[in-house]
Amino acid sequence: PIVERRPFVMPEPSLDDQRSDLQRLIDACGAKGHALGLGQLAALPAF
């Protein structure tokens, strides 16, 4: 497939880990960048 579905496990934030939601998701997926649309970015905190 052109798009791969990659599982991730995201640790909860802490005082020692204050990365943004987006950066934590990128890191958890092992991605080097993102191309998320505005709707996906807006829904990310709830997700």
ModelCIF file with pLDDT and N, C-alpha, C, O atoms, coordinates in Angstrom:
data_MODEL
#
_entry.id   MODEL 
#
_entity.id                         1 
_entity.type                       polymer 
_entity.pdbx_number_of_molecules   1 
#
_entity_poly.entity_id                      1 
_entity_poly.type                           'polypeptide(L)' 
_entity_poly.nstd_linkage                   no 
_entity_poly.nstd_monomer                   no 
_entity_poly.pdbx_seq_one_letter_code       PIVERRPFVMPEPSLDDQRSDLQRLIDACGAKGHALGLGQLAALPAF 
_entity_poly.pdbx_seq_one_letter_code_can   PIVERRPFVMPEPSLDDQRSDLQRLIDACGAKGHALGLGQLAALPAF 
_entity_poly.pdbx_strand_id                 A 
#
loop_
_entity_poly_seq.entity_id 
_entity_poly_seq.num 
_entity_poly_seq.mon_id 
_entity_poly_seq.hetero 
1 1  PRO n 
1 2  ILE n 
1 3  VAL n 
1 4  GLU n 
1 5  ARG n 
1 6  ARG n 
1 7  PRO n 
1 8  PHE n 
1 9  VAL n 
1 10 MET n 
1 11 PRO n 
1 12 GLU n 
1 13 PRO n 
1 14 SER n 
1 15 LEU n 
1 16 ASP n 
1 17 ASP n 
1 18 GLN n 
1 19 ARG n 
1 20 SER n 
1 21 ASP n 
1 22 LEU n 
1 23 GLN n 
1 24 ARG n 
1 25 LEU n 
1 26 ILE n 
1 27 ASP n 
1 28 ALA n 
1 29 CYS n 
1 30 GLY n 
1 31 ALA n 
1 32 LYS n 
1 33 GLY n 
1 34 HIS n 
1 35 ALA n 
1 36 LEU n 
1 37 GLY n 
1 38 LEU n 
1 39 GLY n 
1 40 GLN n 
1 41 LEU n 
1 42 ALA n 
1 43 ALA n 
1 44 LEU n 
1 45 PRO n 
1 46 ALA n 
1 47 PHE n 
#
_struct_asym.id          A 
_struct_asym.entity_id   1 
#
loop_
_ma_qa_metric.id 
_ma_qa_metric.mode 
_ma_qa_metric.name 
_ma_qa_metric.software_group_id 
_ma_qa_metric.type 
1 global pLDDT . pLDDT 
2 local  pLDDT . pLDDT 
#
_ma_qa_metric_global.metric_id      1 
_ma_qa_metric_global.metric_value   90.06 
_ma_qa_metric_global.model_id       1 
_ma_qa_metric_global.ordinal_id     1 
#
loop_
_ma_qa_metric_local.label_asym_id 
_ma_qa_metric_local.label_comp_id 
_ma_qa_metric_local.label_seq_id 
_ma_qa_metric_local.metric_id 
_ma_qa_metric_local.metric_value 
_ma_qa_metric_local.model_id 
_ma_qa_metric_local.ordinal_id 
A PRO 1  2 80.00 1 1  
A ILE 2  2 86.00 1 2  
A VAL 3  2 88.00 1 3  
A GLU 4  2 88.00 1 4  
A ARG 5  2 89.00 1 5  
A ARG 6  2 92.00 1 6  
A PRO 7  2 93.00 1 7  
A PHE 8  2 91.00 1 8  
A VAL 9  2 90.00 1 9  
A MET 10 2 86.00 1 10 
A PRO 11 2 82.00 1 11 
A GLU 12 2 81.00 1 12 
A PRO 13 2 80.00 1 13 
A SER 14 2 82.00 1 14 
A LEU 15 2 84.00 1 15 
A ASP 16 2 86.00 1 16 
A ASP 17 2 83.00 1 17 
A GLN 18 2 84.00 1 18 
A ARG 19 2 88.00 1 19 
A SER 20 2 90.00 1 20 
A ASP 21 2 89.00 1 21 
A LEU 22 2 93.00 1 22 
A GLN 23 2 93.00 1 23 
A ARG 24 2 90.00 1 24 
A LEU 25 2 92.00 1 25 
A ILE 26 2 94.00 1 26 
A ASP 27 2 93.00 1 27 
A ALA 28 2 92.00 1 28 
A CYS 29 2 93.00 1 29 
A GLY 30 2 93.00 1 30 
A ALA 31 2 94.00 1 31 
A LYS 32 2 95.00 1 32 
A GLY 33 2 94.00 1 33 
A HIS 34 2 96.00 1 34 
A ALA 35 2 96.00 1 35 
A LEU 36 2 95.00 1 36 
A GLY 37 2 93.00 1 37 
A LEU 38 2 94.00 1 38 
A GLY 39 2 93.00 1 39 
A GLN 40 2 93.00 1 40 
A LEU 41 2 94.00 1 41 
A ALA 42 2 94.00 1 42 
A ALA 43 2 93.00 1 43 
A LEU 44 2 92.00 1 44 
A PRO 45 2 91.00 1 45 
A ALA 46 2 91.00 1 46 
A PHE 47 2 90.00 1 47 
#
loop_
_atom_site.group_PDB 
_atom_site.id 
_atom_site.type_symbol 
_atom_site.label_atom_id 
_atom_site.label_alt_id 
_atom_site.label_comp_id 
_atom_site.label_asym_id 
_atom_site.label_entity_id 
_atom_site.label_seq_id 
_atom_site.pdbx_PDB_ins_code 
_atom_site.Cartn_x 
_atom_site.Cartn_y 
_atom_site.Cartn_z 
_atom_site.occupancy 
_atom_site.B_iso_or_equiv 
_atom_site.pdbx_formal_charge 
_atom_site.auth_seq_id 
_atom_site.auth_comp_id 
_atom_site.auth_asym_id 
_atom_site.auth_atom_id 
_atom_site.pdbx_PDB_model_num 
ATOM 1   N N  . PRO A 1 1  ? 0.819  -1.215 0.000  1.00 80.00 ? 1  PRO A N  1 
ATOM 2   C CA . PRO A 1 1  ? 0.000  0.000  0.000  1.00 80.00 ? 1  PRO A CA 1 
ATOM 3   C C  . PRO A 1 1  ? 0.853  1.265  0.000  1.00 80.00 ? 1  PRO A C  1 
ATOM 4   O O  . PRO A 1 1  ? 1.974  1.271  0.509  1.00 80.00 ? 1  PRO A O  1 
ATOM 5   N N  . ILE A 1 2  ? 0.318  2.316  -0.566 1.00 86.00 ? 2  ILE A N  1 
ATOM 6   C CA . ILE A 1 2  ? 1.009  3.605  -0.578 1.00 86.00 ? 2  ILE A CA 1 
ATOM 7   C C  . ILE A 1 2  ? 1.064  4.177  0.837  1.00 86.00 ? 2  ILE A C  1 
ATOM 8   O O  . ILE A 1 2  ? 2.055  4.792  1.232  1.00 86.00 ? 2  ILE A O  1 
ATOM 9   N N  . VAL A 1 3  ? -0.015 3.966  1.594  1.00 88.00 ? 3  VAL A N  1 
ATOM 10  C CA . VAL A 1 3  ? -0.088 4.450  2.972  1.00 88.00 ? 3  VAL A CA 1 
ATOM 11  C C  . VAL A 1 3  ? 0.009  3.267  3.917  1.00 88.00 ? 3  VAL A C  1 
ATOM 12  O O  . VAL A 1 3  ? -0.775 2.323  3.811  1.00 88.00 ? 3  VAL A O  1 
ATOM 13  N N  . GLU A 1 4  ? 0.959  3.305  4.837  1.00 88.00 ? 4  GLU A N  1 
ATOM 14  C CA . GLU A 1 4  ? 1.165  2.227  5.814  1.00 88.00 ? 4  GLU A CA 1 
ATOM 15  C C  . GLU A 1 4  ? 0.494  2.586  7.136  1.00 88.00 ? 4  GLU A C  1 
ATOM 16  O O  . GLU A 1 4  ? 0.541  3.735  7.577  1.00 88.00 ? 4  GLU A O  1 
ATOM 17  N N  . ARG A 1 5  ? -0.126 1.594  7.758  1.00 89.00 ? 5  ARG A N  1 
ATOM 18  C CA . ARG A 1 5  ? -0.749 1.786  9.070  1.00 89.00 ? 5  ARG A CA 1 
ATOM 19  C C  . ARG A 1 5  ? 0.255  1.308  10.118 1.00 89.00 ? 5  ARG A C  1 
ATOM 20  O O  . ARG A 1 5  ? 0.496  0.108  10.244 1.00 89.00 ? 5  ARG A O  1 
ATOM 21  N N  . ARG A 1 6  ? 0.844  2.248  10.875 1.00 92.00 ? 6  ARG A N  1 
ATOM 22  C CA . ARG A 1 6  ? 1.913  1.910  11.810 1.00 92.00 ? 6  ARG A CA 1 
ATOM 23  C C  . ARG A 1 6  ? 1.421  2.051  13.251 1.00 92.00 ? 6  ARG A C  1 
ATOM 24  O O  . ARG A 1 6  ? 1.024  3.144  13.656 1.00 92.00 ? 6  ARG A O  1 
ATOM 25  N N  . PRO A 1 7  ? 1.438  0.951  14.046 1.00 93.00 ? 7  PRO A N  1 
ATOM 26  C CA . PRO A 1 7  ? 0.973  1.032  15.441 1.00 93.00 ? 7  PRO A CA 1 
ATOM 27  C C  . PRO A 1 7  ? 1.946  1.853  16.288 1.00 93.00 ? 7  PRO A C  1 
ATOM 28  O O  . PRO A 1 7  ? 3.151  1.875  16.039 1.00 93.00 ? 7  PRO A O  1 
ATOM 29  N N  . PHE A 1 8  ? 1.394  2.517  17.282 1.00 91.00 ? 8  PHE A N  1 
ATOM 30  C CA . PHE A 1 8  ? 2.244  3.271  18.205 1.00 91.00 ? 8  PHE A CA 1 
ATOM 31  C C  . PHE A 1 8  ? 1.693  3.173  19.618 1.00 91.00 ? 8  PHE A C  1 
ATOM 32  O O  . PHE A 1 8  ? 0.507  2.911  19.817 1.00 91.00 ? 8  PHE A O  1 
ATOM 33  N N  . VAL A 1 9  ? 2.544  3.380  20.574 1.00 90.00 ? 9  VAL A N  1 
ATOM 34  C CA . VAL A 1 9  ? 2.157  3.516  21.980 1.00 90.00 ? 9  VAL A CA 1 
ATOM 35  C C  . VAL A 1 9  ? 2.770  4.821  22.479 1.00 90.00 ? 9  VAL A C  1 
ATOM 36  O O  . VAL A 1 9  ? 3.991  4.976  22.498 1.00 90.00 ? 9  VAL A O  1 
ATOM 37  N N  . MET A 1 10 ? 1.922  5.745  22.877 1.00 86.00 ? 10 MET A N  1 
ATOM 38  C CA . MET A 1 10 ? 2.382  7.074  23.270 1.00 86.00 ? 10 MET A CA 1 
ATOM 39  C C  . MET A 1 10 ? 2.388  7.206  24.796 1.00 86.00 ? 10 MET A C  1 
ATOM 40  O O  . MET A 1 10 ? 1.343  7.075  25.433 1.00 86.00 ? 10 MET A O  1 
ATOM 41  N N  . PRO A 1 11 ? 3.548  7.464  25.378 1.00 82.00 ? 11 PRO A N  1 
ATOM 42  C CA . PRO A 1 11 ? 3.588  7.642  26.846 1.00 82.00 ? 11 PRO A CA 1 
ATOM 43  C C  . PRO A 1 11 ? 2.885  8.933  27.256 1.00 82.00 ? 11 PRO A C  1 
ATOM 44  O O  . PRO A 1 11 ? 2.812  9.888  26.483 1.00 82.00 ? 11 PRO A O  1 
ATOM 45  N N  . GLU A 1 12 ? 2.378  8.946  28.467 1.00 81.00 ? 12 GLU A N  1 
ATOM 46  C CA . GLU A 1 12 ? 1.705  10.145 28.959 1.00 81.00 ? 12 GLU A CA 1 
ATOM 47  C C  . GLU A 1 12 ? 2.720  11.263 29.192 1.00 81.00 ? 12 GLU A C  1 
ATOM 48  O O  . GLU A 1 12 ? 3.874  10.994 29.526 1.00 81.00 ? 12 GLU A O  1 
ATOM 49  N N  . PRO A 1 13 ? 2.297  12.503 29.020 1.00 80.00 ? 13 PRO A N  1 
ATOM 50  C CA . PRO A 1 13 ? 3.219  13.623 29.259 1.00 80.00 ? 13 PRO A CA 1 
ATOM 51  C C  . PRO A 1 13 ? 3.567  13.733 30.745 1.00 80.00 ? 13 PRO A C  1 
ATOM 52  O O  . PRO A 1 13 ? 2.828  13.269 31.614 1.00 80.00 ? 13 PRO A O  1 
ATOM 53  N N  . SER A 1 14 ? 4.680  14.341 30.999 1.00 82.00 ? 14 SER A N  1 
ATOM 54  C CA . SER A 1 14 ? 5.127  14.543 32.389 1.00 82.00 ? 14 SER A CA 1 
ATOM 55  C C  . SER A 1 14 ? 5.880  15.861 32.456 1.00 82.00 ? 14 SER A C  1 
ATOM 56  O O  . SER A 1 14 ? 6.066  16.544 31.449 1.00 82.00 ? 14 SER A O  1 
ATOM 57  N N  . LEU A 1 15 ? 6.309  16.202 33.665 1.00 84.00 ? 15 LEU A N  1 
ATOM 58  C CA . LEU A 1 15 ? 7.093  17.436 33.808 1.00 84.00 ? 15 LEU A CA 1 
ATOM 59  C C  . LEU A 1 15 ? 8.400  17.348 33.037 1.00 84.00 ? 15 LEU A C  1 
ATOM 60  O O  . LEU A 1 15 ? 8.951  18.362 32.610 1.00 84.00 ? 15 LEU A O  1 
ATOM 61  N N  . ASP A 1 16 ? 8.889  16.127 32.864 1.00 86.00 ? 16 ASP A N  1 
ATOM 62  C CA . ASP A 1 16 ? 10.133 15.945 32.131 1.00 86.00 ? 16 ASP A CA 1 
ATOM 63  C C  . ASP A 1 16 ? 9.902  15.777 30.624 1.00 86.00 ? 16 ASP A C  1 
ATOM 64  O O  . ASP A 1 16 ? 10.852 15.793 29.842 1.00 86.00 ? 16 ASP A O  1 
ATOM 65  N N  . ASP A 1 17 ? 8.650  15.618 30.227 1.00 83.00 ? 17 ASP A N  1 
ATOM 66  C CA . ASP A 1 17 ? 8.318  15.447 28.798 1.00 83.00 ? 17 ASP A CA 1 
ATOM 67  C C  . ASP A 1 17 ? 7.197  16.404 28.452 1.00 83.00 ? 17 ASP A C  1 
ATOM 68  O O  . ASP A 1 17 ? 6.021  16.055 28.560 1.00 83.00 ? 17 ASP A O  1 
ATOM 69  N N  . GLN A 1 18 ? 7.548  17.589 28.043 1.00 84.00 ? 18 GLN A N  1 
ATOM 70  C CA . GLN A 1 18 ? 6.563  18.621 27.743 1.00 84.00 ? 18 GLN A CA 1 
ATOM 71  C C  . GLN A 1 18 ? 6.490  18.916 26.245 1.00 84.00 ? 18 GLN A C  1 
ATOM 72  O O  . GLN A 1 18 ? 6.229  20.050 25.844 1.00 84.00 ? 18 GLN A O  1 
ATOM 73  N N  . ARG A 1 19 ? 6.723  17.883 25.415 1.00 88.00 ? 19 ARG A N  1 
ATOM 74  C CA . ARG A 1 19 ? 6.565  18.050 23.978 1.00 88.00 ? 19 ARG A CA 1 
ATOM 75  C C  . ARG A 1 19 ? 5.098  18.312 23.633 1.00 88.00 ? 19 ARG A C  1 
ATOM 76  O O  . ARG A 1 19 ? 4.200  17.928 24.382 1.00 88.00 ? 19 ARG A O  1 
ATOM 77  N N  . SER A 1 20 ? 4.866  18.959 22.510 1.00 90.00 ? 20 SER A N  1 
ATOM 78  C CA . SER A 1 20 ? 3.497  19.206 22.053 1.00 90.00 ? 20 SER A CA 1 
ATOM 79  C C  . SER A 1 20 ? 2.849  17.878 21.667 1.00 90.00 ? 20 SER A C  1 
ATOM 80  O O  . SER A 1 20 ? 3.532  16.882 21.426 1.00 90.00 ? 20 SER A O  1 
ATOM 81  N N  . ASP A 1 21 ? 1.512  17.885 21.614 1.00 89.00 ? 21 ASP A N  1 
ATOM 82  C CA . ASP A 1 21 ? 0.797  16.676 21.195 1.00 89.00 ? 21 ASP A CA 1 
ATOM 83  C C  . ASP A 1 21 ? 1.273  16.211 19.820 1.00 89.00 ? 21 ASP A C  1 
ATOM 84  O O  . ASP A 1 21 ? 1.492  15.018 19.607 1.00 89.00 ? 21 ASP A O  1 
ATOM 85  N N  . LEU A 1 22 ? 1.431  17.147 18.893 1.00 93.00 ? 22 LEU A N  1 
ATOM 86  C CA . LEU A 1 22 ? 1.847  16.794 17.542 1.00 93.00 ? 22 LEU A CA 1 
ATOM 87  C C  . LEU A 1 22 ? 3.236  16.160 17.544 1.00 93.00 ? 22 LEU A C  1 
ATOM 88  O O  . LEU A 1 22 ? 3.450  15.139 16.891 1.00 93.00 ? 22 LEU A O  1 
ATOM 89  N N  . GLN A 1 23 ? 4.169  16.749 18.264 1.00 93.00 ? 23 GLN A N  1 
ATOM 90  C CA . GLN A 1 23 ? 5.526  16.222 18.268 1.00 93.00 ? 23 GLN A CA 1 
ATOM 91  C C  . GLN A 1 23 ? 5.577  14.846 18.928 1.00 93.00 ? 23 GLN A C  1 
ATOM 92  O O  . GLN A 1 23 ? 6.320  13.972 18.481 1.00 93.00 ? 23 GLN A O  1 
ATOM 93  N N  . ARG A 1 24 ? 4.799  14.651 19.980 1.00 90.00 ? 24 ARG A N  1 
ATOM 94  C CA . ARG A 1 24 ? 4.778  13.355 20.651 1.00 90.00 ? 24 ARG A CA 1 
ATOM 95  C C  . ARG A 1 24 ? 4.208  12.275 19.734 1.00 90.00 ? 24 ARG A C  1 
ATOM 96  O O  . ARG A 1 24 ? 4.670  11.134 19.752 1.00 90.00 ? 24 ARG A O  1 
ATOM 97  N N  . LEU A 1 25 ? 3.199  12.638 18.928 1.00 92.00 ? 25 LEU A N  1 
ATOM 98  C CA . LEU A 1 25 ? 2.640  11.687 17.976 1.00 92.00 ? 25 LEU A CA 1 
ATOM 99  C C  . LEU A 1 25 ? 3.651  11.361 16.881 1.00 92.00 ? 25 LEU A C  1 
ATOM 100 O O  . LEU A 1 25 ? 3.822  10.197 16.517 1.00 92.00 ? 25 LEU A O  1 
ATOM 101 N N  . ILE A 1 26 ? 4.321  12.386 16.357 1.00 94.00 ? 26 ILE A N  1 
ATOM 102 C CA . ILE A 1 26 ? 5.338  12.171 15.323 1.00 94.00 ? 26 ILE A CA 1 
ATOM 103 C C  . ILE A 1 26 ? 6.435  11.247 15.842 1.00 94.00 ? 26 ILE A C  1 
ATOM 104 O O  . ILE A 1 26 ? 6.860  10.324 15.146 1.00 94.00 ? 26 ILE A O  1 
ATOM 105 N N  . ASP A 1 27 ? 6.881  11.494 17.043 1.00 93.00 ? 27 ASP A N  1 
ATOM 106 C CA . ASP A 1 27 ? 7.950  10.677 17.628 1.00 93.00 ? 27 ASP A CA 1 
ATOM 107 C C  . ASP A 1 27 ? 7.479  9.253  17.878 1.00 93.00 ? 27 ASP A C  1 
ATOM 108 O O  . ASP A 1 27 ? 8.220  8.301  17.635 1.00 93.00 ? 27 ASP A O  1 
ATOM 109 N N  . ALA A 1 28 ? 6.250  9.102  18.363 1.00 92.00 ? 28 ALA A N  1 
ATOM 110 C CA . ALA A 1 28 ? 5.732  7.764  18.661 1.00 92.00 ? 28 ALA A CA 1 
ATOM 111 C C  . ALA A 1 28 ? 5.604  6.923  17.393 1.00 92.00 ? 28 ALA A C  1 
ATOM 112 O O  . ALA A 1 28 ? 5.760  5.702  17.434 1.00 92.00 ? 28 ALA A O  1 
ATOM 113 N N  . CYS A 1 29 ? 5.318  7.581  16.262 1.00 93.00 ? 29 CYS A N  1 
ATOM 114 C CA . CYS A 1 29 ? 5.178  6.863  14.990 1.00 93.00 ? 29 CYS A CA 1 
ATOM 115 C C  . CYS A 1 29 ? 6.514  6.667  14.281 1.00 93.00 ? 29 CYS A C  1 
ATOM 116 O O  . CYS A 1 29 ? 6.594  5.951  13.282 1.00 93.00 ? 29 CYS A O  1 
ATOM 117 N N  . GLY A 1 30 ? 7.558  7.301  14.797 1.00 93.00 ? 30 GLY A N  1 
ATOM 118 C CA . GLY A 1 30 ? 8.853  7.205  14.136 1.00 93.00 ? 30 GLY A CA 1 
ATOM 119 C C  . GLY A 1 30 ? 8.891  7.972  12.835 1.00 93.00 ? 30 GLY A C  1 
ATOM 120 O O  . GLY A 1 30 ? 9.646  7.628  11.925 1.00 93.00 ? 30 GLY A O  1 
ATOM 121 N N  . ALA A 1 31 ? 8.083  9.009  12.743 1.00 94.00 ? 31 ALA A N  1 
ATOM 122 C CA . ALA A 1 31 ? 8.027  9.806  11.521 1.00 94.00 ? 31 ALA A CA 1 
ATOM 123 C C  . ALA A 1 31 ? 9.081  10.914 11.539 1.00 94.00 ? 31 ALA A C  1 
ATOM 124 O O  . ALA A 1 31 ? 9.556  11.328 12.597 1.00 94.00 ? 31 ALA A O  1 
ATOM 125 N N  . LYS A 1 32 ? 9.428  11.379 10.349 1.00 95.00 ? 32 LYS A N  1 
ATOM 126 C CA . LYS A 1 32 ? 10.380 12.476 10.232 1.00 95.00 ? 32 LYS A CA 1 
ATOM 127 C C  . LYS A 1 32 ? 9.685  13.816 10.004 1.00 95.00 ? 32 LYS A C  1 
ATOM 128 O O  . LYS A 1 32 ? 10.324 14.867 10.058 1.00 95.00 ? 32 LYS A O  1 
ATOM 129 N N  . GLY A 1 33 ? 8.398  13.778 9.755  1.00 94.00 ? 33 GLY A N  1 
ATOM 130 C CA . GLY A 1 33 ? 7.620  14.994 9.539  1.00 94.00 ? 33 GLY A CA 1 
ATOM 131 C C  . GLY A 1 33 ? 6.158  14.631 9.404  1.00 94.00 ? 33 GLY A C  1 
ATOM 132 O O  . GLY A 1 33 ? 5.787  13.467 9.553  1.00 94.00 ? 33 GLY A O  1 
ATOM 133 N N  . HIS A 1 34 ? 5.320  15.626 9.119  1.00 96.00 ? 34 HIS A N  1 
ATOM 134 C CA . HIS A 1 34 ? 3.895  15.344 8.984  1.00 96.00 ? 34 HIS A CA 1 
ATOM 135 C C  . HIS A 1 34 ? 3.298  16.175 7.852  1.00 96.00 ? 34 HIS A C  1 
ATOM 136 O O  . HIS A 1 34 ? 3.860  17.184 7.427  1.00 96.00 ? 34 HIS A O  1 
ATOM 137 N N  . ALA A 1 35 ? 2.138  15.714 7.378  1.00 96.00 ? 35 ALA A N  1 
ATOM 138 C CA . ALA A 1 35 ? 1.359  16.443 6.377  1.00 96.00 ? 35 ALA A CA 1 
ATOM 139 C C  . ALA A 1 35 ? -0.115 16.381 6.779  1.00 96.00 ? 35 ALA A C  1 
ATOM 140 O O  . ALA A 1 35 ? -0.985 16.140 5.942  1.00 96.00 ? 35 ALA A O  1 
ATOM 141 N N  . LEU A 1 36 ? -0.386 16.603 8.072  1.00 95.00 ? 36 LEU A N  1 
ATOM 142 C CA . LEU A 1 36 ? -1.745 16.566 8.583  1.00 95.00 ? 36 LEU A CA 1 
ATOM 143 C C  . LEU A 1 36 ? -2.497 17.826 8.175  1.00 95.00 ? 36 LEU A C  1 
ATOM 144 O O  . LEU A 1 36 ? -1.944 18.926 8.171  1.00 95.00 ? 36 LEU A O  1 
ATOM 145 N N  . GLY A 1 37 ? -3.780 17.641 7.829  1.00 93.00 ? 37 GLY A N  1 
ATOM 146 C CA . GLY A 1 37 ? -4.614 18.782 7.486  1.00 93.00 ? 37 GLY A CA 1 
ATOM 147 C C  . GLY A 1 37 ? -5.061 19.535 8.717  1.00 93.00 ? 37 GLY A C  1 
ATOM 148 O O  . GLY A 1 37 ? -4.863 19.069 9.839  1.00 93.00 ? 37 GLY A O  1 
ATOM 149 N N  . LEU A 1 38 ? -5.666 20.702 8.521  1.00 94.00 ? 38 LEU A N  1 
ATOM 150 C CA . LEU A 1 38 ? -6.107 21.529 9.644  1.00 94.00 ? 38 LEU A CA 1 
ATOM 151 C C  . LEU A 1 38 ? -7.138 20.802 10.507 1.00 94.00 ? 38 LEU A C  1 
ATOM 152 O O  . LEU A 1 38 ? -7.125 20.925 11.731 1.00 94.00 ? 38 LEU A O  1 
ATOM 153 N N  . GLY A 1 39 ? -8.031 20.043 9.865  1.00 93.00 ? 39 GLY A N  1 
ATOM 154 C CA . GLY A 1 39 ? -9.039 19.311 10.625 1.00 93.00 ? 39 GLY A CA 1 
ATOM 155 C C  . GLY A 1 39 ? -8.422 18.251 11.514 1.00 93.00 ? 39 GLY A C  1 
ATOM 156 O O  . GLY A 1 39 ? -8.860 18.053 12.648 1.00 93.00 ? 39 GLY A O  1 
ATOM 157 N N  . GLN A 1 40 ? -7.394 17.560 10.998 1.00 93.00 ? 40 GLN A N  1 
ATOM 158 C CA . GLN A 1 40 ? -6.722 16.545 11.796 1.00 93.00 ? 40 GLN A CA 1 
ATOM 159 C C  . GLN A 1 40 ? -5.946 17.172 12.952 1.00 93.00 ? 40 GLN A C  1 
ATOM 160 O O  . GLN A 1 40 ? -5.926 16.632 14.059 1.00 93.00 ? 40 GLN A O  1 
ATOM 161 N N  . LEU A 1 41 ? -5.313 18.308 12.691 1.00 94.00 ? 41 LEU A N  1 
ATOM 162 C CA . LEU A 1 41 ? -4.570 18.985 13.757 1.00 94.00 ? 41 LEU A CA 1 
ATOM 163 C C  . LEU A 1 41 ? -5.509 19.459 14.862 1.00 94.00 ? 41 LEU A C  1 
ATOM 164 O O  . LEU A 1 41 ? -5.182 19.372 16.046 1.00 94.00 ? 41 LEU A O  1 
ATOM 165 N N  . ALA A 1 42 ? -6.685 19.963 14.464 1.00 94.00 ? 42 ALA A N  1 
ATOM 166 C CA . ALA A 1 42 ? -7.645 20.453 15.459 1.00 94.00 ? 42 ALA A CA 1 
ATOM 167 C C  . ALA A 1 42 ? -8.198 19.313 16.309 1.00 94.00 ? 42 ALA A C  1 
ATOM 168 O O  . ALA A 1 42 ? -8.496 19.504 17.488 1.00 94.00 ? 42 ALA A O  1 
ATOM 169 N N  . ALA A 1 43 ? -8.338 18.115 15.706 1.00 93.00 ? 43 ALA A N  1 
ATOM 170 C CA . ALA A 1 43 ? -8.908 16.979 16.427 1.00 93.00 ? 43 ALA A CA 1 
ATOM 171 C C  . ALA A 1 43 ? -7.863 16.189 17.205 1.00 93.00 ? 43 ALA A C  1 
ATOM 172 O O  . ALA A 1 43 ? -8.209 15.279 17.958 1.00 93.00 ? 43 ALA A O  1 
ATOM 173 N N  . LEU A 1 44 ? -6.591 16.528 17.029 1.00 92.00 ? 44 LEU A N  1 
ATOM 174 C CA . LEU A 1 44 ? -5.524 15.741 17.645 1.00 92.00 ? 44 LEU A CA 1 
ATOM 175 C C  . LEU A 1 44 ? -5.571 15.718 19.177 1.00 92.00 ? 44 LEU A C  1 
ATOM 176 O O  . LEU A 1 44 ? -5.423 14.639 19.750 1.00 92.00 ? 44 LEU A O  1 
ATOM 177 N N  . PRO A 1 45 ? -5.768 16.848 19.874 1.00 91.00 ? 45 PRO A N  1 
ATOM 178 C CA . PRO A 1 45 ? -5.801 16.787 21.349 1.00 91.00 ? 45 PRO A CA 1 
ATOM 179 C C  . PRO A 1 45 ? -6.848 15.819 21.881 1.00 91.00 ? 45 PRO A C  1 
ATOM 180 O O  . PRO A 1 45 ? -6.571 15.052 22.803 1.00 91.00 ? 45 PRO A O  1 
ATOM 181 N N  . ALA A 1 46 ? -8.053 15.847 21.307 1.00 91.00 ? 46 ALA A N  1 
ATOM 182 C CA . ALA A 1 46 ? -9.109 14.942 21.766 1.00 91.00 ? 46 ALA A CA 1 
ATOM 183 C C  . ALA A 1 46 ? -8.745 13.496 21.453 1.00 91.00 ? 46 ALA A C  1 
ATOM 184 O O  . ALA A 1 46 ? -9.020 12.597 22.248 1.00 91.00 ? 46 ALA A O  1 
ATOM 185 N N  . PHE A 1 47 ? -8.124 13.267 20.291 1.00 90.00 ? 47 PHE A N  1 
ATOM 186 C CA . PHE A 1 47 ? -7.719 11.910 19.918 1.00 90.00 ? 47 PHE A CA 1 
ATOM 187 C C  . PHE A 1 47 ? -6.718 11.351 20.926 1.00 90.00 ? 47 PHE A C  1 
ATOM 188 O O  . PHE A 1 47 ? -6.261 10.218 20.778 1.00 90.00 ? 47 PHE A O  1 
#
